[in-house]
PDB file of N, CA and C in Angstrom:
ATOM      1  N   UNK A   1       0.842  -1.186   0.000  1.00  0.00           N
ATOM      2  CA  UNK A   1       0.000   0.000   0.000  1.00  0.00           C
ATOM      3  C   UNK A   1       0.883   1.244   0.000  1.00  0.00           C
ATOM      4  N   UNK A   2       0.648   2.129  -0.963  1.00  0.00           N
ATOM      5  CA  UNK A   2       1.456   3.334  -1.077  1.00  0.00           C
ATOM      6  C   UNK A   2       1.101   4.306   0.048  1.00  0.00           C
ATOM      7  N   UNK A   3       2.136   4.843   0.664  1.00  0.00           N
ATOM      8  CA  UNK A   3       1.932   5.783   1.763  1.00  0.00           C
ATOM      9  C   UNK A   3       2.949   6.903   1.686  1.00  0.00           C
ATOM     10  N   UNK A   4       2.483   8.123   1.909  1.00  0.00           N
ATOM     11  CA  UNK A   4       3.339   9.299   1.977  1.00  0.00           C
ATOM     12  C   UNK A   4       3.110   9.981   3.317  1.00  0.00           C
ATOM     13  N   UNK A   5       4.198  10.227   4.046  1.00  0.00           N
ATOM     14  CA  UNK A   5       4.072  10.826   5.372  1.00  0.00           C
ATOM     15  C   UNK A   5       4.981  12.047   5.463  1.00  0.00           C
ATOM     16  N   UNK A   6       4.361  13.203   5.655  1.00  0.00           N
ATOM     17  CA  UNK A   6       5.107  14.448   5.770  1.00  0.00           C
ATOM     18  C   UNK A   6       5.501  14.723   7.220  1.00  0.00           C
ATOM     19  N   UNK A   7       6.588  15.463   7.384  1.00  0.00           N
ATOM     20  CA  UNK A   7       7.024  15.905   8.703  1.00  0.00           C
ATOM     21  C   UNK A   7       7.843  17.182   8.551  1.00  0.00           C
ATOM     22  N   UNK A   8       8.078  17.844   9.682  1.00  0.00           N
ATOM     23  CA  UNK A   8       8.941  19.016   9.677  1.00  0.00           C
ATOM     24  C   UNK A   8       8.237  20.347   9.743  1.00  0.00           C
ATOM     25  N   UNK A   9       6.921  20.339   9.715  1.00  0.00           N
ATOM     26  CA  UNK A   9       6.196  21.596   9.824  1.00  0.00           C
ATOM     27  C   UNK A   9       6.306  22.181  11.221  1.00  0.00           C
ATOM     28  N   UNK A  10       5.832  23.420  11.352  1.00  0.00           N
ATOM     29  CA  UNK A  10       5.868  24.064  12.665  1.00  0.00           C
ATOM     30  C   UNK A  10       5.634  25.541  12.550  1.00  0.00           C
ATOM     31  N   UNK A  11       5.936  26.244  13.652  1.00  0.00           N
ATOM     32  CA  UNK A  11       5.779  27.686  13.731  1.00  0.00           C
ATOM     33  C   UNK A  11       7.150  28.345  13.615  1.00  0.00           C
ATOM     34  N   UNK A  12       7.252  29.336  12.739  1.00  0.00           N
ATOM     35  CA  UNK A  12       8.527  30.024  12.529  1.00  0.00           C
ATOM     36  C   UNK A  12       8.250  31.500  12.286  1.00  0.00           C
ATOM     37  N   UNK A  13       9.196  32.333  12.648  1.00  0.00           N
ATOM     38  CA  UNK A  13       9.048  33.761  12.393  1.00  0.00           C
ATOM     39  C   UNK A  13       9.374  34.091  10.944  1.00  0.00           C
ATOM     40  N   UNK A  14       8.803  35.168  10.475  1.00  0.00           N
ATOM     41  CA  UNK A  14       9.109  35.626   9.119  1.00  0.00           C
ATOM     42  C   UNK A  14      10.617  35.801   8.963  1.00  0.00           C
ATOM     43  N   UNK A  15      11.124  35.359   7.810  1.00  0.00           N
ATOM     44  CA  UNK A  15      12.557  35.388   7.549  1.00  0.00           C
ATOM     45  C   UNK A  15      13.288  34.120   7.948  1.00  0.00           C
ATOM     46  N   UNK A  16      12.601  33.255   8.666  1.00  0.00           N
ATOM     47  CA  UNK A  16      13.203  32.014   9.113  1.00  0.00           C
ATOM     48  C   UNK A  16      13.146  30.915   8.069  1.00  0.00           C
ATOM     49  N   UNK A  17      13.574  29.728   8.483  1.00  0.00           N
ATOM     50  CA  UNK A  17      13.658  28.576   7.587  1.00  0.00           C
ATOM     51  C   UNK A  17      13.040  27.344   8.220  1.00  0.00           C
ATOM     52  N   UNK A  18      12.560  26.467   7.368  1.00  0.00           N
ATOM     53  CA  UNK A  18      12.084  25.139   7.768  1.00  0.00           C
ATOM     54  C   UNK A  18      12.443  24.157   6.671  1.00  0.00           C
ATOM     55  N   UNK A  19      12.601  22.905   7.061  1.00  0.00           N
ATOM     56  CA  UNK A  19      12.828  21.837   6.088  1.00  0.00           C
ATOM     57  C   UNK A  19      11.766  20.772   6.277  1.00  0.00           C
ATOM     58  N   UNK A  20      10.966  20.582   5.255  1.00  0.00           N
ATOM     59  CA  UNK A  20       9.953  19.546   5.272  1.00  0.00           C
ATOM     60  C   UNK A  20      10.511  18.259   4.680  1.00  0.00           C
ATOM     61  N   UNK A  21      10.033  17.143   5.210  1.00  0.00           N
ATOM     62  CA  UNK A  21      10.410  15.837   4.691  1.00  0.00           C
ATOM     63  C   UNK A  21       9.156  15.052   4.364  1.00  0.00           C
ATOM     64  N   UNK A  22       9.288  14.162   3.403  1.00  0.00           N
ATOM     65  CA  UNK A  22       8.193  13.254   3.047  1.00  0.00           C
ATOM     66  C   UNK A  22       8.795  11.874   2.833  1.00  0.00           C
ATOM     67  N   UNK A  23       8.350  10.932   3.639  1.00  0.00           N
ATOM     68  CA  UNK A  23       8.822   9.561   3.533  1.00  0.00           C
ATOM     69  C   UNK A  23       7.794   8.742   2.769  1.00  0.00           C
ATOM     70  N   UNK A  24       8.258   8.031   1.754  1.00  0.00           N
ATOM     71  CA  UNK A  24       7.367   7.240   0.903  1.00  0.00           C
ATOM     72  C   UNK A  24       7.600   5.758   1.127  1.00  0.00           C
ATOM     73  N   UNK A  25       6.526   4.991   1.009  1.00  0.00           N
ATOM     74  CA  UNK A  25       6.620   3.537   1.088  1.00  0.00           C
ATOM     75  C   UNK A  25       5.561   2.941   0.175  1.00  0.00           C
ATOM     76  N   UNK A  26       5.809   1.695  -0.226  1.00  0.00           N
ATOM     77  CA  UNK A  26       4.837   0.991  -1.056  1.00  0.00           C
ATOM     78  C   UNK A  26       4.904   1.311  -2.535  1.00  0.00           C
ATOM     79  N   UNK A  27       6.009   1.895  -2.978  1.00  0.00           N
ATOM     80  CA  UNK A  27       6.168   2.210  -4.397  1.00  0.00           C
ATOM     81  C   UNK A  27       7.652   2.145  -4.765  1.00  0.00           C
ATOM     82  N   UNK A  28       7.911   2.017  -6.061  1.00  0.00           N
ATOM     83  CA  UNK A  28       9.288   2.121  -6.546  1.00  0.00           C
ATOM     84  C   UNK A  28       9.583   3.602  -6.659  1.00  0.00           C
ATOM     85  N   UNK A  29      10.133   4.153  -5.611  1.00  0.00           N
ATOM     86  CA  UNK A  29      10.171   5.598  -5.417  1.00  0.00           C
ATOM     87  C   UNK A  29      10.833   6.337  -6.571  1.00  0.00           C
ATOM     88  N   UNK A  30      11.936   5.824  -7.053  1.00  0.00           N
ATOM     89  CA  UNK A  30      12.699   6.549  -8.076  1.00  0.00           C
ATOM     90  C   UNK A  30      11.940   6.682  -9.386  1.00  0.00           C
ATOM     91  N   UNK A  31      10.888   5.903  -9.578  1.00  0.00           N
ATOM     92  CA  UNK A  31      10.104   5.974 -10.819  1.00  0.00           C
ATOM     93  C   UNK A  31       9.100   7.117 -10.825  1.00  0.00           C
ATOM     94  N   UNK A  32       8.881   7.731  -9.669  1.00  0.00           N
ATOM     95  CA  UNK A  32       7.791   8.691  -9.536  1.00  0.00           C
ATOM     96  C   UNK A  32       8.281  10.127  -9.426  1.00  0.00           C
ATOM     97  N   UNK A  33       7.760  11.008 -10.268  1.00  0.00           N
ATOM     98  CA  UNK A  33       7.924  12.433  -9.976  1.00  0.00           C
ATOM     99  C   UNK A  33       7.235  12.740  -8.647  1.00  0.00           C
ATOM    100  N   UNK A  34       7.857  13.612  -7.865  1.00  0.00           N
ATOM    101  CA  UNK A  34       7.315  13.983  -6.565  1.00  0.00           C
ATOM    102  C   UNK A  34       7.088  15.486  -6.519  1.00  0.00           C
ATOM    103  N   UNK A  35       6.150  15.907  -5.707  1.00  0.00           N
ATOM    104  CA  UNK A  35       5.835  17.329  -5.648  1.00  0.00           C
ATOM    105  C   UNK A  35       5.392  17.728  -4.249  1.00  0.00           C
ATOM    106  N   UNK A  36       5.453  19.029  -4.027  1.00  0.00           N
ATOM    107  CA  UNK A  36       4.874  19.659  -2.852  1.00  0.00           C
ATOM    108  C   UNK A  36       3.807  20.651  -3.324  1.00  0.00           C
ATOM    109  N   UNK A  37       2.675  20.577  -2.658  1.00  0.00           N
ATOM    110  CA  UNK A  37       1.604  21.550  -2.824  1.00  0.00           C
ATOM    111  C   UNK A  37       1.297  22.141  -1.459  1.00  0.00           C
ATOM    112  N   UNK A  38       0.546  23.216  -1.441  1.00  0.00           N
ATOM    113  CA  UNK A  38       0.118  23.790  -0.170  1.00  0.00           C
ATOM    114  C   UNK A  38      -1.300  24.319  -0.289  1.00  0.00           C
ATOM    115  N   UNK A  39      -1.965  24.395   0.854  1.00  0.00           N
ATOM    116  CA  UNK A  39      -3.342  24.877   0.869  1.00  0.00           C
ATOM    117  C   UNK A  39      -3.604  25.630   2.163  1.00  0.00           C
ATOM    118  N   UNK A  40      -4.115  26.830   2.024  1.00  0.00           N
ATOM    119  CA  UNK A  40      -4.505  27.619   3.188  1.00  0.00           C
ATOM    120  C   UNK A  40      -6.031  27.731   3.201  1.00  0.00           C
ATOM    121  N   UNK A  41      -6.611  28.052   4.351  1.00  0.00           N
ATOM    122  CA  UNK A  41      -8.081  28.061   4.473  1.00  0.00           C
ATOM    123  C   UNK A  41      -8.753  28.948   3.430  1.00  0.00           C
ATOM    124  N   UNK A  42      -9.756  28.389   2.777  1.00  0.00           N
ATOM    125  CA  UNK A  42     -10.520  29.142   1.801  1.00  0.00           C
ATOM    126  C   UNK A  42      -9.877  29.260   0.441  1.00  0.00           C
ATOM    127  N   UNK A  43      -8.719  28.640   0.262  1.00  0.00           N
ATOM    128  CA  UNK A  43      -8.015  28.721  -1.018  1.00  0.00           C
ATOM    129  C   UNK A  43      -7.843  27.347  -1.639  1.00  0.00           C
ATOM    130  N   UNK A  44      -7.632  27.350  -2.944  1.00  0.00           N
ATOM    131  CA  UNK A  44      -7.377  26.093  -3.640  1.00  0.00           C
ATOM    132  C   UNK A  44      -5.963  25.601  -3.332  1.00  0.00           C
ATOM    133  N   UNK A  45      -5.784  24.302  -3.523  1.00  0.00           N
ATOM    134  CA  UNK A  45      -4.450  23.738  -3.334  1.00  0.00           C
ATOM    135  C   UNK A  45      -3.517  24.313  -4.407  1.00  0.00           C
ATOM    136  N   UNK A  46      -2.365  24.781  -3.969  1.00  0.00           N
ATOM    137  CA  UNK A  46      -1.424  25.514  -4.827  1.00  0.00           C
ATOM    138  C   UNK A  46      -0.151  24.723  -5.052  1.00  0.00           C
ATOM    139  N   UNK A  47       0.312  24.706  -6.282  1.00  0.00           N
ATOM    140  CA  UNK A  47       1.567  24.050  -6.617  1.00  0.00           C
ATOM    141  C   UNK A  47       2.738  24.813  -6.013  1.00  0.00           C
ATOM    142  N   UNK A  48       3.675  24.077  -5.405  1.00  0.00           N
ATOM    143  CA  UNK A  48       4.868  24.678  -4.815  1.00  0.00           C
ATOM    144  C   UNK A  48       6.122  24.292  -5.608  1.00  0.00           C
ATOM    145  N   UNK A  49       6.344  22.988  -5.770  1.00  0.00           N
ATOM    146  CA  UNK A  49       7.559  22.537  -6.441  1.00  0.00           C
ATOM    147  C   UNK A  49       7.405  21.079  -6.829  1.00  0.00           C
ATOM    148  N   UNK A  50       8.160  20.676  -7.858  1.00  0.00           N
ATOM    149  CA  UNK A  50       8.179  19.286  -8.251  1.00  0.00           C
ATOM    150  C   UNK A  50       9.580  18.885  -8.672  1.00  0.00           C
ATOM    151  N   UNK A  51       9.869  17.594  -8.565  1.00  0.00           N
ATOM    152  CA  UNK A  51      11.162  17.061  -8.959  1.00  0.00           C
ATOM    153  C   UNK A  51      10.921  15.752  -9.699  1.00  0.00           C
ATOM    154  N   UNK A  52      11.635  15.558 -10.783  1.00  0.00           N
ATOM    155  CA  UNK A  52      11.520  14.333 -11.556  1.00  0.00           C
ATOM    156  C   UNK A  52      12.191  13.190 -10.808  1.00  0.00           C
ATOM    157  N   UNK A  53      12.280  12.045 -11.448  1.00  0.00           N
ATOM    158  CA  UNK A  53      12.899  10.898 -10.811  1.00  0.00           C
ATOM    159  C   UNK A  53      14.362  11.107 -10.487  1.00  0.00           C
ATOM    160  N   UNK A  54      14.983  12.051 -11.176  1.00  0.00           N
ATOM    161  CA  UNK A  54      16.400  12.290 -10.902  1.00  0.00           C
ATOM    162  C   UNK A  54      16.664  13.734 -10.492  1.00  0.00           C
ATOM    163  N   UNK A  55      16.825  14.670 -11.409  1.00  0.00           N
ATOM    164  CA  UNK A  55      17.299  15.994 -11.002  1.00  0.00           C
ATOM    165  C   UNK A  55      16.490  17.174 -11.504  1.00  0.00           C
ATOM    166  N   UNK A  56      15.568  16.978 -12.427  1.00  0.00           N
ATOM    167  CA  UNK A  56      14.854  18.126 -12.991  1.00  0.00           C
ATOM    168  C   UNK A  56      13.831  18.646 -11.986  1.00  0.00           C
ATOM    169  N   UNK A  57      13.781  19.967 -11.863  1.00  0.00           N
ATOM    170  CA  UNK A  57      12.877  20.599 -10.898  1.00  0.00           C
ATOM    171  C   UNK A  57      12.174  21.783 -11.531  1.00  0.00           C
ATOM    172  N   UNK A  58      11.038  22.150 -10.959  1.00  0.00           N
ATOM    173  CA  UNK A  58      10.381  23.388 -11.311  1.00  0.00           C
ATOM    174  C   UNK A  58       9.602  23.877 -10.094  1.00  0.00           C
ATOM    175  N   UNK A  59       9.367  25.196 -10.036  1.00  0.00           N
ATOM    176  CA  UNK A  59       8.806  25.822  -8.858  1.00  0.00           C
ATOM    177  C   UNK A  59       7.649  26.747  -9.208  1.00  0.00           C
ATOM    178  N   UNK A  60       6.771  26.928  -8.226  1.00  0.00           N
ATOM    179  CA  UNK A  60       5.752  27.951  -8.363  1.00  0.00           C
ATOM    180  C   UNK A  60       6.381  29.336  -8.274  1.00  0.00           C
ATOM    181  N   UNK A  61       5.757  30.291  -8.915  1.00  0.00           N
ATOM    182  CA  UNK A  61       6.338  31.640  -8.986  1.00  0.00           C
ATOM    183  C   UNK A  61       6.522  32.254  -7.598  1.00  0.00           C
ATOM    184  N   UNK A  62       5.634  31.968  -6.686  1.00  0.00           N
ATOM    185  CA  UNK A  62       5.687  32.617  -5.376  1.00  0.00           C
ATOM    186  C   UNK A  62       6.819  32.105  -4.487  1.00  0.00           C
ATOM    187  N   UNK A  63       7.443  31.007  -4.855  1.00  0.00           N
ATOM    188  CA  UNK A  63       8.494  30.438  -4.000  1.00  0.00           C
ATOM    189  C   UNK A  63       9.849  30.370  -4.695  1.00  0.00           C
ATOM    190  N   UNK A  64       9.908  30.735  -5.951  1.00  0.00           N
ATOM    191  CA  UNK A  64      11.175  30.680  -6.683  1.00  0.00           C
ATOM    192  C   UNK A  64      12.246  31.501  -5.979  1.00  0.00           C
ATOM    193  N   UNK A  65      13.422  30.913  -5.844  1.00  0.00           N
ATOM    194  CA  UNK A  65      14.532  31.601  -5.198  1.00  0.00           C
ATOM    195  C   UNK A  65      14.545  31.475  -3.689  1.00  0.00           C
ATOM    196  N   UNK A  66      13.460  30.961  -3.114  1.00  0.00           N
ATOM    197  CA  UNK A  66      13.395  30.804  -1.650  1.00  0.00           C
ATOM    198  C   UNK A  66      13.298  29.337  -1.227  1.00  0.00           C
ATOM    199  N   UNK A  67      12.622  28.526  -2.019  1.00  0.00           N
ATOM    200  CA  UNK A  67      12.411  27.116  -1.684  1.00  0.00           C
ATOM    201  C   UNK A  67      13.245  26.238  -2.611  1.00  0.00           C
ATOM    202  N   UNK A  68      13.673  25.090  -2.081  1.00  0.00           N
ATOM    203  CA  UNK A  68      14.423  24.115  -2.874  1.00  0.00           C
ATOM    204  C   UNK A  68      13.877  22.726  -2.608  1.00  0.00           C
ATOM    205  N   UNK A  69      13.508  22.043  -3.675  1.00  0.00           N
ATOM    206  CA  UNK A  69      13.052  20.658  -3.565  1.00  0.00           C
ATOM    207  C   UNK A  69      14.214  19.726  -3.894  1.00  0.00           C
ATOM    208  N   UNK A  70      14.289  18.628  -3.165  1.00  0.00           N
ATOM    209  CA  UNK A  70      15.325  17.630  -3.430  1.00  0.00           C
ATOM    210  C   UNK A  70      14.773  16.263  -3.061  1.00  0.00           C
ATOM    211  N   UNK A  71      15.491  15.234  -3.464  1.00  0.00           N
ATOM    212  CA  UNK A  71      15.062  13.874  -3.137  1.00  0.00           C
ATOM    213  C   UNK A  71      16.266  13.003  -2.894  1.00  0.00           C
ATOM    214  N   UNK A  72      16.047  11.957  -2.113  1.00  0.00           N
ATOM    215  CA  UNK A  72      17.061  10.945  -1.866  1.00  0.00           C
ATOM    216  C   UNK A  72      16.395   9.613  -2.180  1.00  0.00           C
ATOM    217  N   UNK A  73      16.672   9.076  -3.352  1.00  0.00           N
ATOM    218  CA  UNK A  73      16.002   7.843  -3.767  1.00  0.00           C
ATOM    219  C   UNK A  73      16.407   6.646  -2.908  1.00  0.00           C
ATOM    220  N   UNK A  74      17.590   6.697  -2.339  1.00  0.00           N
ATOM    221  CA  UNK A  74      18.033   5.609  -1.463  1.00  0.00           C
ATOM    222  C   UNK A  74      17.235   5.575  -0.162  1.00  0.00           C
ATOM    223  N   UNK A  75      16.715   6.745   0.229  1.00  0.00           N
ATOM    224  CA  UNK A  75      15.928   6.843   1.466  1.00  0.00           C
ATOM    225  C   UNK A  75      14.437   6.956   1.203  1.00  0.00           C
ATOM    226  N   UNK A  76      14.039   6.863  -0.065  1.00  0.00           N
ATOM    227  CA  UNK A  76      12.618   7.000  -0.423  1.00  0.00           C
ATOM    228  C   UNK A  76      12.009   8.271   0.154  1.00  0.00           C
ATOM    229  N   UNK A  77      12.752   9.361   0.022  1.00  0.00           N
ATOM    230  CA  UNK A  77      12.310  10.605   0.652  1.00  0.00           C
ATOM    231  C   UNK A  77      12.458  11.797  -0.283  1.00  0.00           C
ATOM    232  N   UNK A  78      11.579  12.746  -0.097  1.00  0.00           N
ATOM    233  CA  UNK A  78      11.657  14.020  -0.805  1.00  0.00           C
ATOM    234  C   UNK A  78      11.612  15.124   0.249  1.00  0.00           C
ATOM    235  N   UNK A  79      12.291  16.225  -0.049  1.00  0.00           N
ATOM    236  CA  UNK A  79      12.454  17.292   0.929  1.00  0.00           C
ATOM    237  C   UNK A  79      12.056  18.638   0.320  1.00  0.00           C
ATOM    238  N   UNK A  80      11.707  19.566   1.176  1.00  0.00           N
ATOM    239  CA  UNK A  80      11.466  20.934   0.750  1.00  0.00           C
ATOM    240  C   UNK A  80      12.156  21.857   1.741  1.00  0.00           C
ATOM    241  N   UNK A  81      13.241  22.474   1.303  1.00  0.00           N
ATOM    242  CA  UNK A  81      13.935  23.464   2.113  1.00  0.00           C
ATOM    243  C   UNK A  81      13.303  24.821   1.843  1.00  0.00           C
ATOM    244  N   UNK A  82      12.821  25.437   2.900  1.00  0.00           N
ATOM    245  CA  UNK A  82      12.103  26.708   2.770  1.00  0.00           C
ATOM    246  C   UNK A  82      12.872  27.792   3.522  1.00  0.00           C
ATOM    247  N   UNK A  83      13.355  28.772   2.788  1.00  0.00           N
ATOM    248  CA  UNK A  83      14.125  29.870   3.374  1.00  0.00           C
ATOM    249  C   UNK A  83      13.374  31.186   3.195  1.00  0.00           C
ATOM    250  N   UNK A  84      13.763  32.165   3.998  1.00  0.00           N
ATOM    251  CA  UNK A  84      13.148  33.491   3.929  1.00  0.00           C
ATOM    252  C   UNK A  84      11.621  33.389   3.916  1.00  0.00           C
ATOM    253  N   UNK A  85      11.106  32.666   4.873  1.00  0.00           N
ATOM    254  CA  UNK A  85       9.663  32.428   4.920  1.00  0.00           C
ATOM    255  C   UNK A  85       8.893  33.710   5.184  1.00  0.00           C
ATOM    256  N   UNK A  86       7.702  33.772   4.597  1.00  0.00           N
ATOM    257  CA  UNK A  86       6.828  34.934   4.721  1.00  0.00           C
ATOM    258  C   UNK A  86       5.488  34.501   5.313  1.00  0.00           C
ATOM    259  N   UNK A  87       4.758  35.419   5.937  1.00  0.00           N
ATOM    260  CA  UNK A  87       3.451  35.030   6.492  1.00  0.00           C
ATOM    261  C   UNK A  87       2.529  34.406   5.447  1.00  0.00           C
ATOM    262  N   UNK A  88       2.634  34.830   4.203  1.00  0.00           N
ATOM    263  CA  UNK A  88       1.780  34.261   3.156  1.00  0.00           C
ATOM    264  C   UNK A  88       2.158  32.834   2.776  1.00  0.00           C
ATOM    265  N   UNK A  89       3.261  32.325   3.319  1.00  0.00           N
ATOM    266  CA  UNK A  89       3.613  30.912   3.118  1.00  0.00           C
ATOM    267  C   UNK A  89       2.864  30.003   4.097  1.00  0.00           C
ATOM    268  N   UNK A  90       2.138  30.587   5.037  1.00  0.00           N
ATOM    269  CA  UNK A  90       1.379  29.798   6.000  1.00  0.00           C
ATOM    270  C   UNK A  90       0.333  28.947   5.287  1.00  0.00           C
ATOM    271  N   UNK A  91       0.387  27.629   5.529  1.00  0.00           N
ATOM    272  CA  UNK A  91      -0.510  26.694   4.855  1.00  0.00           C
ATOM    273  C   UNK A  91      -0.240  25.287   5.371  1.00  0.00           C
ATOM    274  N   UNK A  92      -1.098  24.371   4.974  1.00  0.00           N
ATOM    275  CA  UNK A  92      -0.800  22.952   5.120  1.00  0.00           C
ATOM    276  C   UNK A  92      -0.055  22.527   3.859  1.00  0.00           C
ATOM    277  N   UNK A  93       1.083  21.896   4.049  1.00  0.00           N
ATOM    278  CA  UNK A  93       1.925  21.462   2.931  1.00  0.00           C
ATOM    279  C   UNK A  93       1.748  19.965   2.718  1.00  0.00           C
ATOM    280  N   UNK A  94       1.490  19.608   1.460  1.00  0.00           N
ATOM    281  CA  UNK A  94       1.230  18.228   1.092  1.00  0.00           C
ATOM    282  C   UNK A  94       2.311  17.700   0.157  1.00  0.00           C
ATOM    283  N   UNK A  95       2.699  16.476   0.380  1.00  0.00           N
ATOM    284  CA  UNK A  95       3.581  15.739  -0.500  1.00  0.00           C
ATOM    285  C   UNK A  95       2.723  14.912  -1.457  1.00  0.00           C
ATOM    286  N   UNK A  96       3.163  14.791  -2.706  1.00  0.00           N
ATOM    287  CA  UNK A  96       2.386  14.049  -3.685  1.00  0.00           C
ATOM    288  C   UNK A  96       3.304  13.268  -4.617  1.00  0.00           C
ATOM    289  N   UNK A  97       2.800  12.138  -5.084  1.00  0.00           N
ATOM    290  CA  UNK A  97       3.516  11.304  -6.056  1.00  0.00           C
ATOM    291  C   UNK A  97       2.649  11.153  -7.299  1.00  0.00           C
ATOM    292  N   UNK A  98       3.276  11.274  -8.465  1.00  0.00           N
ATOM    293  CA  UNK A  98       2.511  11.171  -9.700  1.00  0.00           C
ATOM    294  C   UNK A  98       3.295  10.506 -10.790  1.00  0.00           C
ATOM    295  N   UNK A  99       2.804  10.669 -12.018  1.00  0.00           N
ATOM    296  CA  UNK A  99       3.477  10.052 -13.156  1.00  0.00           C
ATOM    297  C   UNK A  99       3.854  11.040 -14.243  1.00  0.00           C
ATOM    298  N   UNK A 100       3.360  12.282 -14.161  1.00  0.00           N
ATOM    299  CA  UNK A 100       3.644  13.259 -15.203  1.00  0.00           C
ATOM    300  C   UNK A 100       4.925  14.016 -14.902  1.00  0.00           C
ATOM    301  N   UNK A 101       5.794  14.098 -15.895  1.00  0.00           N
ATOM    302  CA  UNK A 101       7.062  14.812 -15.750  1.00  0.00           C
ATOM    303  C   UNK A 101       6.812  16.291 -15.492  1.00  0.00           C
ATOM    304  N   UNK A 102       7.282  16.774 -14.339  1.00  0.00           N
ATOM    305  CA  UNK A 102       7.183  18.186 -13.941  1.00  0.00           C
ATOM    306  C   UNK A 102       5.745  18.713 -13.977  1.00  0.00           C
ATOM    307  N   UNK A 103       4.818  17.869 -13.552  1.00  0.00           N
ATOM    308  CA  UNK A 103       3.433  18.297 -13.490  1.00  0.00           C
ATOM    309  C   UNK A 103       3.230  19.385 -12.449  1.00  0.00           C
ATOM    310  N   UNK A 104       2.289  20.304 -12.722  1.00  0.00           N
ATOM    311  CA  UNK A 104       2.060  21.444 -11.839  1.00  0.00           C
ATOM    312  C   UNK A 104       0.634  21.536 -11.320  1.00  0.00           C
ATOM    313  N   UNK A 105      -0.199  20.597 -11.674  1.00  0.00           N
ATOM    314  CA  UNK A 105      -1.584  20.679 -11.225  1.00  0.00           C
ATOM    315  C   UNK A 105      -1.930  19.466 -10.377  1.00  0.00           C
ATOM    316  N   UNK A 106      -2.952  19.640  -9.550  1.00  0.00           N
ATOM    317  CA  UNK A 106      -3.341  18.584  -8.625  1.00  0.00           C
ATOM    318  C   UNK A 106      -3.631  17.275  -9.338  1.00  0.00           C
ATOM    319  N   UNK A 107      -4.267  17.343 -10.483  1.00  0.00           N
ATOM    320  CA  UNK A 107      -4.666  16.128 -11.202  1.00  0.00           C
ATOM    321  C   UNK A 107      -3.480  15.360 -11.783  1.00  0.00           C
ATOM    322  N   UNK A 108      -2.286  15.934 -11.773  1.00  0.00           N
ATOM    323  CA  UNK A 108      -1.084  15.220 -12.234  1.00  0.00           C
ATOM    324  C   UNK A 108      -0.592  14.223 -11.195  1.00  0.00           C
ATOM    325  N   UNK A 109      -1.163  14.269 -10.001  1.00  0.00           N
ATOM    326  CA  UNK A 109      -0.668  13.456  -8.884  1.00  0.00           C
ATOM    327  C   UNK A 109      -1.774  12.585  -8.314  1.00  0.00           C
ATOM    328  N   UNK A 110      -1.493  11.298  -8.236  1.00  0.00           N
ATOM    329  CA  UNK A 110      -2.516  10.344  -7.803  1.00  0.00           C
ATOM    330  C   UNK A 110      -2.443  10.027  -6.311  1.00  0.00           C
ATOM    331  N   UNK A 111      -1.291  10.285  -5.722  1.00  0.00           N
ATOM    332  CA  UNK A 111      -1.079   9.865  -4.342  1.00  0.00           C
ATOM    333  C   UNK A 111      -0.672  11.067  -3.500  1.00  0.00           C
ATOM    334  N   UNK A 112      -1.276  11.151  -2.307  1.00  0.00           N
ATOM    335  CA  UNK A 112      -1.098  12.314  -1.444  1.00  0.00           C
ATOM    336  C   UNK A 112      -0.876  11.910   0.006  1.00  0.00           C
ATOM    337  N   UNK A 113      -0.050  12.697   0.687  1.00  0.00           N
ATOM    338  CA  UNK A 113       0.062  12.558   2.123  1.00  0.00           C
ATOM    339  C   UNK A 113      -1.042  13.342   2.813  1.00  0.00           C
ATOM    340  N   UNK A 114      -1.024  13.306   4.150  1.00  0.00           N
ATOM    341  CA  UNK A 114      -2.061  13.984   4.917  1.00  0.00           C
ATOM    342  C   UNK A 114      -1.708  15.435   5.237  1.00  0.00           C
ATOM    343  N   UNK A 115      -0.479  15.817   4.993  1.00  0.00           N
ATOM    344  CA  UNK A 115      -0.094  17.210   5.158  1.00  0.00           C
ATOM    345  C   UNK A 115       0.586  17.520   6.473  1.00  0.00           C
ATOM    346  N   UNK A 116       1.345  18.622   6.473  1.00  0.00           N
ATOM    347  CA  UNK A 116       1.978  19.133   7.680  1.00  0.00           C
ATOM    348  C   UNK A 116       1.790  20.647   7.708  1.00  0.00           C
ATOM    349  N   UNK A 117       1.447  21.172   8.872  1.00  0.00           N
ATOM    350  CA  UNK A 117       1.119  22.594   8.991  1.00  0.00           C
ATOM    351  C   UNK A 117       2.391  23.426   9.116  1.00  0.00           C
ATOM    352  N   UNK A 118       2.456  24.479   8.325  1.00  0.00           N
ATOM    353  CA  UNK A 118       3.520  25.478   8.438  1.00  0.00           C
ATOM    354  C   UNK A 118       2.859  26.818   8.750  1.00  0.00           C
ATOM    355  N   UNK A 119       3.299  27.432   9.829  1.00  0.00           N
ATOM    356  CA  UNK A 119       2.768  28.731  10.214  1.00  0.00           C
ATOM    357  C   UNK A 119       3.918  29.720  10.347  1.00  0.00           C
ATOM    358  N   UNK A 120       3.804  30.831   9.634  1.00  0.00           N
ATOM    359  CA  UNK A 120       4.846  31.856   9.650  1.00  0.00           C
ATOM    360  C   UNK A 120       4.264  33.112  10.299  1.00  0.00           C
ATOM    361  N   UNK A 121       4.859  33.509  11.399  1.00  0.00           N
ATOM    362  CA  UNK A 121       4.375  34.689  12.117  1.00  0.00           C
ATOM    363  C   UNK A 121       5.115  35.939  11.654  1.00  0.00           C
ATOM    364  N   UNK A 122       4.415  37.055  11.682  1.00  0.00           N
ATOM    365  CA  UNK A 122       5.031  38.309  11.217  1.00  0.00           C
ATOM    366  C   UNK A 122       5.737  39.038  12.359  1.00  0.00           C
TER     367      UNK A 122
END
């Protein structure tokens, strides 16, 4: 059974950093593009970043230059390093696994974790 479990969320002041992790099981991890999305109350789920099976990445416009996605296929894990955080980054962050190369929409991803809360105070 495929499972994605996020961790690393929390409360941080504006300008601070957090590193999110997502541990995957039940799949051949290196075959799957992985992504991070986020959702805040009353808003649609928003694309944050995606990484192919190896090294190709792409980012949402609002996080370019501040966030970095990476993966460790040996550990079946994907990470999101978030720097220079802003209050508008406050959201639940979701890890997702899909099949489309560098997909940016929710429908590109079939498998989702339950999310981890990130709160950025001003």
